[in-house]
C-alpha atoms as a PDB file:
ATOM      1  CA  UNK A   1     -10.715  18.969  -0.519  1.00  0.00           C
ATOM      2  CA  UNK A   2      -8.102  17.671  -2.763  1.00  0.00           C
ATOM      3  CA  UNK A   3      -8.240  13.900  -4.144  1.00  0.00           C
ATOM      4  CA  UNK A   4      -5.039  11.730  -3.672  1.00  0.00           C
ATOM      5  CA  UNK A   5      -4.031  11.087  -7.095  1.00  0.00           C
ATOM      6  CA  UNK A   6      -3.786  14.790  -7.853  1.00  0.00           C
ATOM      7  CA  UNK A   7      -2.369  15.342  -4.716  1.00  0.00           C
ATOM      8  CA  UNK A   8       0.751  13.378  -5.421  1.00  0.00           C
ATOM      9  CA  UNK A   9       0.779  14.357  -8.949  1.00  0.00           C
ATOM     10  CA  UNK A  10       1.177  18.134  -7.267  1.00  0.00           C
ATOM     11  CA  UNK A  11       3.913  16.555  -5.277  1.00  0.00           C
ATOM     12  CA  UNK A  12       5.734  15.651  -7.961  1.00  0.00           C
ATOM     13  CA  UNK A  13       5.793  18.975  -9.852  1.00  0.00           C
ATOM     14  CA  UNK A  14       6.810  20.847  -6.926  1.00  0.00           C
ATOM     15  CA  UNK A  15       9.650  18.193  -5.988  1.00  0.00           C
ATOM     16  CA  UNK A  16      10.684  19.310 -10.103  1.00  0.00           C
ATOM     17  CA  UNK A  17      10.012  22.679  -9.916  1.00  0.00           C
ATOM     18  CA  UNK A  18       7.695  21.325 -13.524  1.00  0.00           C
ATOM     19  CA  UNK A  19       4.929  23.048 -14.343  1.00  0.00           C
ATOM     20  CA  UNK A  20       1.557  22.295 -15.597  1.00  0.00           C
ATOM     21  CA  UNK A  21       2.482  22.706 -19.361  1.00  0.00           C
ATOM     22  CA  UNK A  22       6.553  21.137 -19.061  1.00  0.00           C
ATOM     23  CA  UNK A  23       4.779  18.369 -17.834  1.00  0.00           C
ATOM     24  CA  UNK A  24       2.015  18.284 -20.935  1.00  0.00           C
ATOM     25  CA  UNK A  25       5.026  19.278 -22.989  1.00  0.00           C
ATOM     26  CA  UNK A  26       6.593  15.490 -22.024  1.00  0.00           C
ATOM     27  CA  UNK A  27       3.382  13.707 -22.866  1.00  0.00           C
ATOM     28  CA  UNK A  28       2.933  14.896 -26.243  1.00  0.00           C
ATOM     29  CA  UNK A  29       3.012  19.408 -26.388  1.00  0.00           C
ATOM     30  CA  UNK A  30      -0.677  18.640 -27.640  1.00  0.00           C
ATOM     31  CA  UNK A  31      -3.518  20.834 -26.004  1.00  0.00           C
ATOM     32  CA  UNK A  32      -5.539  17.514 -25.681  1.00  0.00           C
ATOM     33  CA  UNK A  33      -2.077  16.448 -23.029  1.00  0.00           C
ATOM     34  CA  UNK A  34      -2.738  20.948 -21.918  1.00  0.00           C
ATOM     35  CA  UNK A  35      -6.630  19.947 -21.029  1.00  0.00           C
ATOM     36  CA  UNK A  36      -5.763  16.443 -19.471  1.00  0.00           C
ATOM     37  CA  UNK A  37      -3.031  18.076 -17.143  1.00  0.00           C
ATOM     38  CA  UNK A  38      -5.567  20.590 -15.659  1.00  0.00           C
ATOM     39  CA  UNK A  39      -8.061  17.612 -14.599  1.00  0.00           C
ATOM     40  CA  UNK A  40      -5.600  15.704 -13.340  1.00  0.00           C
ATOM     41  CA  UNK A  41      -3.753  18.509 -10.759  1.00  0.00           C
ATOM     42  CA  UNK A  42      -7.798  19.917 -10.074  1.00  0.00           C
ATOM     43  CA  UNK A  43      -9.046  16.862  -9.115  1.00  0.00           C
ATOM     44  CA  UNK A  44     -11.892  16.459 -12.051  1.00  0.00           C
ATOM     45  CA  UNK A  45     -10.120  13.856 -13.431  1.00  0.00           C
ATOM     46  CA  UNK A  46      -8.110  10.901 -13.083  1.00  0.00           C
ATOM     47  CA  UNK A  47      -5.865   9.806 -15.919  1.00  0.00           C
ATOM     48  CA  UNK A  48      -7.193   6.363 -17.289  1.00  0.00           C
ATOM     49  CA  UNK A  49      -4.554   3.321 -16.834  1.00  0.00           C
ATOM     50  CA  UNK A  50      -2.604   4.411 -20.207  1.00  0.00           C
ATOM     51  CA  UNK A  51      -1.988   7.278 -19.405  1.00  0.00           C
ATOM     52  CA  UNK A  52      -1.009   6.801 -16.651  1.00  0.00           C
ATOM     53  CA  UNK A  53       1.466   4.760 -16.913  1.00  0.00           C
ATOM     54  CA  UNK A  54       2.639   7.723 -19.693  1.00  0.00           C
ATOM     55  CA  UNK A  55       3.110   9.912 -16.148  1.00  0.00           C
ATOM     56  CA  UNK A  56       4.361   8.433 -14.608  1.00  0.00           C
ATOM     57  CA  UNK A  57       7.366   7.277 -17.488  1.00  0.00           C
ATOM     58  CA  UNK A  58       7.150  10.744 -17.962  1.00  0.00           C
ATOM     59  CA  UNK A  59       7.433  12.018 -14.167  1.00  0.00           C
ATOM     60  CA  UNK A  60      10.397   8.822 -13.735  1.00  0.00           C
ATOM     61  CA  UNK A  61       8.403   7.491 -10.617  1.00  0.00           C
ATOM     62  CA  UNK A  62       6.671   4.425 -10.623  1.00  0.00           C
ATOM     63  CA  UNK A  63       2.894   3.999 -10.485  1.00  0.00           C
ATOM     64  CA  UNK A  64       1.862   2.656  -7.962  1.00  0.00           C
ATOM     65  CA  UNK A  65       3.047   5.946  -6.468  1.00  0.00           C
ATOM     66  CA  UNK A  66      -0.356   7.211  -7.825  1.00  0.00           C
ATOM     67  CA  UNK A  67      -3.283   4.613  -6.767  1.00  0.00           C
ATOM     68  CA  UNK A  68      -4.378   5.298  -3.249  1.00  0.00           C
ATOM     69  CA  UNK A  69      -4.574   1.590  -2.858  1.00  0.00           C
ATOM     70  CA  UNK A  70      -0.965   1.385  -2.901  1.00  0.00           C
ATOM     71  CA  UNK A  71      -1.339   4.421  -0.250  1.00  0.00           C
ATOM     72  CA  UNK A  72      -3.603   2.028   1.986  1.00  0.00           C
ATOM     73  CA  UNK A  73      -2.068  -1.153   1.520  1.00  0.00           C
ATOM     74  CA  UNK A  74       1.936   0.501   3.058  1.00  0.00           C
ATOM     75  CA  UNK A  75       0.466   1.589   6.499  1.00  0.00           C
ATOM     76  CA  UNK A  76      -0.905  -1.277   7.144  1.00  0.00           C
ATOM     77  CA  UNK A  77       2.713  -3.555   6.107  1.00  0.00           C
END
């Protein structure tokens, strides 16, 4: 089963009709960005706070969307 972060990131890519290379390019286009996006989507790693902010800015979404804790809170509020 995929991790919550990976699932949310994949949902955004589908909704925005982007592929991982598009996201990596928007993050800066370097090889390390491509590897990072691949690792995030596979659930191998989750981004650091700095990269989470970069990603959410790039994808024009709230960083809270990616945070599992926040999604749990919304169920109970």
